[in-house]
């Protein structure tokens, strides 16, 4: 039974590390695009222009990056559950 616990712990830790490494890049790029979008909104408001809210390439990229980060954070949560199960199973 101890081997099952060790396998769950190692698998959970590996899954958390892999998920974190996959989430870090898309999340950083998403935050950067979000900041640029907010900056453009502030500039257009300052300039007095009306901002076109149609779908842009940046908004599509933000959706894709957010989804990639969500999937990777799901891996981290699944790894946490595996580690928790490793401690729960006796």
N, C-alpha and C. Protein backbone atom coordinates (compact mmCIF):
# COMPACT_ATOMS: atom_id res chain seq x y z
N UNK A 1 0.82 -1.19 0.00
CA UNK A 1 0.00 0.00 0.00
C UNK A 1 0.86 1.26 0.00
N UNK A 2 2.02 1.19 0.59
CA UNK A 2 2.90 2.36 0.64
C UNK A 2 3.37 2.74 -0.76
N UNK A 3 3.51 1.73 -1.63
CA UNK A 3 3.94 2.03 -3.00
C UNK A 3 2.88 2.84 -3.75
N UNK A 4 1.65 2.53 -3.50
CA UNK A 4 0.56 3.29 -4.14
C UNK A 4 0.61 4.75 -3.70
N UNK A 5 0.86 4.98 -2.41
CA UNK A 5 0.95 6.35 -1.90
C UNK A 5 2.11 7.09 -2.56
N UNK A 6 3.25 6.43 -2.65
CA UNK A 6 4.43 7.07 -3.25
C UNK A 6 4.18 7.37 -4.72
N UNK A 7 3.55 6.45 -5.43
CA UNK A 7 3.25 6.67 -6.84
C UNK A 7 2.30 7.85 -7.01
N UNK A 8 1.27 7.92 -6.15
CA UNK A 8 0.34 9.04 -6.23
C UNK A 8 1.04 10.37 -5.91
N UNK A 9 1.92 10.38 -4.91
CA UNK A 9 2.64 11.61 -4.56
C UNK A 9 3.53 12.06 -5.71
N UNK A 10 4.30 11.12 -6.23
CA UNK A 10 5.22 11.49 -7.32
C UNK A 10 4.47 11.90 -8.58
N UNK A 11 3.41 11.17 -8.89
CA UNK A 11 2.59 11.52 -10.05
C UNK A 11 1.94 12.88 -9.88
N UNK A 12 1.45 13.15 -8.68
CA UNK A 12 0.82 14.44 -8.41
C UNK A 12 1.81 15.59 -8.48
N UNK A 13 2.98 15.40 -7.92
CA UNK A 13 4.02 16.44 -7.95
C UNK A 13 4.47 16.68 -9.39
N UNK A 14 4.64 15.61 -10.14
CA UNK A 14 5.06 15.76 -11.54
C UNK A 14 3.97 16.47 -12.35
N UNK A 15 2.71 16.13 -12.11
CA UNK A 15 1.62 16.78 -12.84
C UNK A 15 1.51 18.26 -12.47
N UNK A 16 1.71 18.58 -11.20
CA UNK A 16 1.67 19.98 -10.79
C UNK A 16 2.81 20.77 -11.45
N UNK A 17 4.00 20.20 -11.47
CA UNK A 17 5.14 20.89 -12.07
C UNK A 17 4.94 21.07 -13.57
N UNK A 18 4.45 20.04 -14.23
CA UNK A 18 4.22 20.12 -15.67
C UNK A 18 3.12 21.15 -15.99
N UNK A 19 2.04 21.12 -15.23
CA UNK A 19 0.96 22.07 -15.44
C UNK A 19 1.41 23.50 -15.20
N UNK A 20 2.20 23.72 -14.17
CA UNK A 20 2.70 25.06 -13.87
C UNK A 20 3.61 25.56 -15.00
N UNK A 21 4.47 24.68 -15.49
CA UNK A 21 5.38 25.10 -16.56
C UNK A 21 4.61 25.40 -17.85
N UNK A 22 3.51 24.69 -18.09
CA UNK A 22 2.69 24.96 -19.27
C UNK A 22 1.83 26.20 -19.10
N UNK A 23 1.46 26.56 -17.89
CA UNK A 23 0.58 27.71 -17.65
C UNK A 23 1.35 29.02 -17.62
N UNK A 24 2.59 28.98 -17.24
CA UNK A 24 3.36 30.20 -17.03
C UNK A 24 3.48 31.05 -18.29
N UNK A 25 3.81 30.47 -19.42
CA UNK A 25 4.00 31.22 -20.65
C UNK A 25 2.72 31.84 -21.19
N UNK A 26 1.65 31.05 -21.41
CA UNK A 26 0.41 31.64 -21.92
C UNK A 26 -0.18 32.69 -20.97
N UNK A 27 -0.07 32.47 -19.66
CA UNK A 27 -0.63 33.42 -18.71
C UNK A 27 0.10 34.76 -18.78
N UNK A 28 1.43 34.72 -18.91
CA UNK A 28 2.21 35.95 -19.02
C UNK A 28 1.87 36.70 -20.32
N UNK A 29 1.76 35.97 -21.42
CA UNK A 29 1.39 36.62 -22.69
C UNK A 29 -0.03 37.18 -22.64
N UNK A 30 -0.94 36.47 -21.99
CA UNK A 30 -2.31 36.94 -21.84
C UNK A 30 -2.34 38.25 -21.04
N UNK A 31 -1.60 38.30 -19.94
CA UNK A 31 -1.56 39.51 -19.13
C UNK A 31 -0.98 40.68 -19.93
N UNK A 32 0.03 40.42 -20.72
CA UNK A 32 0.64 41.47 -21.54
C UNK A 32 -0.36 42.01 -22.57
N UNK A 33 -1.07 41.10 -23.25
CA UNK A 33 -2.08 41.55 -24.22
C UNK A 33 -3.22 42.30 -23.54
N UNK A 34 -3.59 41.88 -22.34
CA UNK A 34 -4.64 42.55 -21.60
C UNK A 34 -4.22 43.98 -21.23
N UNK A 35 -2.96 44.14 -20.83
CA UNK A 35 -2.45 45.48 -20.52
C UNK A 35 -2.44 46.37 -21.76
N UNK A 36 -2.01 45.81 -22.89
CA UNK A 36 -2.00 46.61 -24.12
C UNK A 36 -3.41 47.00 -24.54
N UNK A 37 -4.38 46.11 -24.36
CA UNK A 37 -5.76 46.42 -24.70
C UNK A 37 -6.30 47.52 -23.80
N UNK A 38 -6.00 47.44 -22.51
CA UNK A 38 -6.44 48.49 -21.58
C UNK A 38 -5.78 49.82 -21.92
N UNK A 39 -4.52 49.79 -22.30
CA UNK A 39 -3.82 51.01 -22.68
C UNK A 39 -4.45 51.64 -23.92
N UNK A 40 -4.79 50.82 -24.89
CA UNK A 40 -5.44 51.33 -26.10
C UNK A 40 -6.81 51.92 -25.77
N UNK A 41 -7.53 51.29 -24.85
CA UNK A 41 -8.83 51.82 -24.44
C UNK A 41 -8.68 53.17 -23.76
N UNK A 42 -7.69 53.29 -22.88
CA UNK A 42 -7.46 54.58 -22.22
C UNK A 42 -7.06 55.65 -23.23
N UNK A 43 -6.23 55.29 -24.18
CA UNK A 43 -5.81 56.26 -25.19
C UNK A 43 -6.99 56.74 -26.02
N UNK A 44 -7.83 55.82 -26.46
CA UNK A 44 -9.00 56.20 -27.26
C UNK A 44 -9.97 57.04 -26.45
N UNK A 45 -10.13 56.74 -25.15
CA UNK A 45 -11.00 57.54 -24.31
C UNK A 45 -10.43 58.95 -24.14
N UNK A 46 -9.14 59.04 -24.00
CA UNK A 46 -8.48 60.34 -23.85
C UNK A 46 -8.60 61.16 -25.14
N UNK A 47 -8.45 60.45 -26.26
CA UNK A 47 -8.51 61.11 -27.56
C UNK A 47 -9.93 61.50 -27.93
N UNK A 48 -10.89 60.87 -27.30
CA UNK A 48 -12.28 61.19 -27.57
C UNK A 48 -12.88 60.37 -28.69
N UNK A 49 -12.16 59.38 -29.17
CA UNK A 49 -12.67 58.56 -30.26
C UNK A 49 -13.53 57.43 -29.74
N UNK A 50 -14.29 56.86 -30.63
CA UNK A 50 -15.10 55.70 -30.28
C UNK A 50 -14.31 54.47 -30.65
N UNK A 51 -14.19 53.57 -29.69
CA UNK A 51 -13.41 52.36 -29.92
C UNK A 51 -14.29 51.30 -30.57
N UNK A 52 -13.77 50.71 -31.61
CA UNK A 52 -14.46 49.63 -32.29
C UNK A 52 -14.31 48.37 -31.45
N UNK A 53 -15.40 47.81 -30.97
CA UNK A 53 -15.37 46.63 -30.10
C UNK A 53 -15.55 45.33 -30.86
N UNK A 54 -15.27 45.32 -32.14
CA UNK A 54 -15.41 44.09 -32.91
C UNK A 54 -14.26 43.15 -32.57
N UNK A 55 -14.38 41.92 -33.00
CA UNK A 55 -13.36 40.90 -32.74
C UNK A 55 -12.09 41.24 -33.50
N UNK A 56 -10.99 41.24 -32.76
CA UNK A 56 -9.69 41.51 -33.36
C UNK A 56 -8.80 40.29 -33.19
N UNK A 57 -7.67 40.31 -33.84
CA UNK A 57 -6.72 39.22 -33.68
C UNK A 57 -6.21 39.12 -32.26
N UNK A 58 -6.04 40.27 -31.61
CA UNK A 58 -5.57 40.27 -30.22
C UNK A 58 -6.61 39.67 -29.28
N UNK A 59 -7.89 39.95 -29.52
CA UNK A 59 -8.91 39.38 -28.65
C UNK A 59 -9.03 37.87 -28.84
N UNK A 60 -8.84 37.40 -30.05
CA UNK A 60 -8.85 35.95 -30.30
C UNK A 60 -7.63 35.31 -29.64
N UNK A 61 -6.49 35.96 -29.75
CA UNK A 61 -5.28 35.44 -29.10
C UNK A 61 -5.45 35.40 -27.60
N UNK A 62 -6.10 36.41 -27.02
CA UNK A 62 -6.34 36.42 -25.58
C UNK A 62 -7.24 35.27 -25.16
N UNK A 63 -8.25 34.95 -25.97
CA UNK A 63 -9.13 33.82 -25.66
C UNK A 63 -8.36 32.50 -25.70
N UNK A 64 -7.51 32.34 -26.71
CA UNK A 64 -6.73 31.11 -26.85
C UNK A 64 -5.75 30.97 -25.69
N UNK A 65 -5.06 32.05 -25.35
CA UNK A 65 -4.08 32.01 -24.26
C UNK A 65 -4.77 31.74 -22.93
N UNK A 66 -5.93 32.36 -22.71
CA UNK A 66 -6.65 32.13 -21.46
C UNK A 66 -7.07 30.67 -21.36
N UNK A 67 -7.52 30.09 -22.46
CA UNK A 67 -7.94 28.67 -22.45
C UNK A 67 -6.75 27.75 -22.19
N UNK A 68 -5.61 28.05 -22.80
CA UNK A 68 -4.41 27.24 -22.56
C UNK A 68 -4.00 27.31 -21.08
N UNK A 69 -4.07 28.50 -20.51
CA UNK A 69 -3.72 28.64 -19.10
C UNK A 69 -4.72 27.91 -18.21
N UNK A 70 -6.00 27.94 -18.56
CA UNK A 70 -7.01 27.24 -17.77
C UNK A 70 -6.78 25.73 -17.79
N UNK A 71 -6.45 25.20 -18.94
CA UNK A 71 -6.18 23.76 -19.04
C UNK A 71 -4.96 23.40 -18.20
N UNK A 72 -3.92 24.21 -18.27
CA UNK A 72 -2.70 23.94 -17.50
C UNK A 72 -2.96 24.06 -16.00
N UNK A 73 -3.75 25.06 -15.58
CA UNK A 73 -4.08 25.17 -14.16
C UNK A 73 -4.95 24.01 -13.72
N UNK A 74 -5.75 23.47 -14.62
CA UNK A 74 -6.51 22.25 -14.31
C UNK A 74 -5.59 21.08 -14.04
N UNK A 75 -4.48 21.00 -14.77
CA UNK A 75 -3.48 19.96 -14.51
C UNK A 75 -2.88 20.13 -13.11
N UNK A 76 -2.63 21.36 -12.71
CA UNK A 76 -2.08 21.62 -11.38
C UNK A 76 -3.07 21.16 -10.32
N UNK A 77 -4.34 21.45 -10.52
CA UNK A 77 -5.36 21.04 -9.55
C UNK A 77 -5.47 19.52 -9.51
N UNK A 78 -5.41 18.87 -10.66
CA UNK A 78 -5.46 17.40 -10.70
C UNK A 78 -4.25 16.81 -9.97
N UNK A 79 -3.08 17.42 -10.13
CA UNK A 79 -1.90 16.96 -9.40
C UNK A 79 -2.06 17.13 -7.92
N UNK A 80 -2.65 18.24 -7.49
CA UNK A 80 -2.91 18.45 -6.07
C UNK A 80 -3.85 17.38 -5.53
N UNK A 81 -4.87 17.03 -6.32
CA UNK A 81 -5.81 15.98 -5.90
C UNK A 81 -5.09 14.64 -5.76
N UNK A 82 -4.18 14.33 -6.68
CA UNK A 82 -3.43 13.08 -6.58
C UNK A 82 -2.58 13.04 -5.32
N UNK A 83 -1.93 14.14 -4.99
CA UNK A 83 -1.10 14.19 -3.77
C UNK A 83 -2.02 14.03 -2.55
N UNK A 84 -3.16 14.70 -2.55
CA UNK A 84 -4.11 14.58 -1.45
C UNK A 84 -4.59 13.14 -1.31
N UNK A 85 -4.90 12.48 -2.43
CA UNK A 85 -5.33 11.09 -2.37
C UNK A 85 -4.20 10.19 -1.84
N UNK A 86 -2.95 10.53 -2.19
CA UNK A 86 -1.83 9.77 -1.66
C UNK A 86 -1.75 9.81 -0.15
N UNK A 87 -2.13 10.92 0.44
CA UNK A 87 -2.14 11.03 1.90
C UNK A 87 -3.41 10.42 2.49
N UNK A 88 -4.50 10.45 1.73
CA UNK A 88 -5.78 9.97 2.22
C UNK A 88 -5.85 8.43 2.26
N UNK A 89 -5.26 7.78 1.28
CA UNK A 89 -5.32 6.32 1.18
C UNK A 89 -4.32 5.72 2.17
N UNK A 90 -4.80 4.78 2.95
CA UNK A 90 -3.92 4.10 3.92
C UNK A 90 -3.70 2.69 3.53
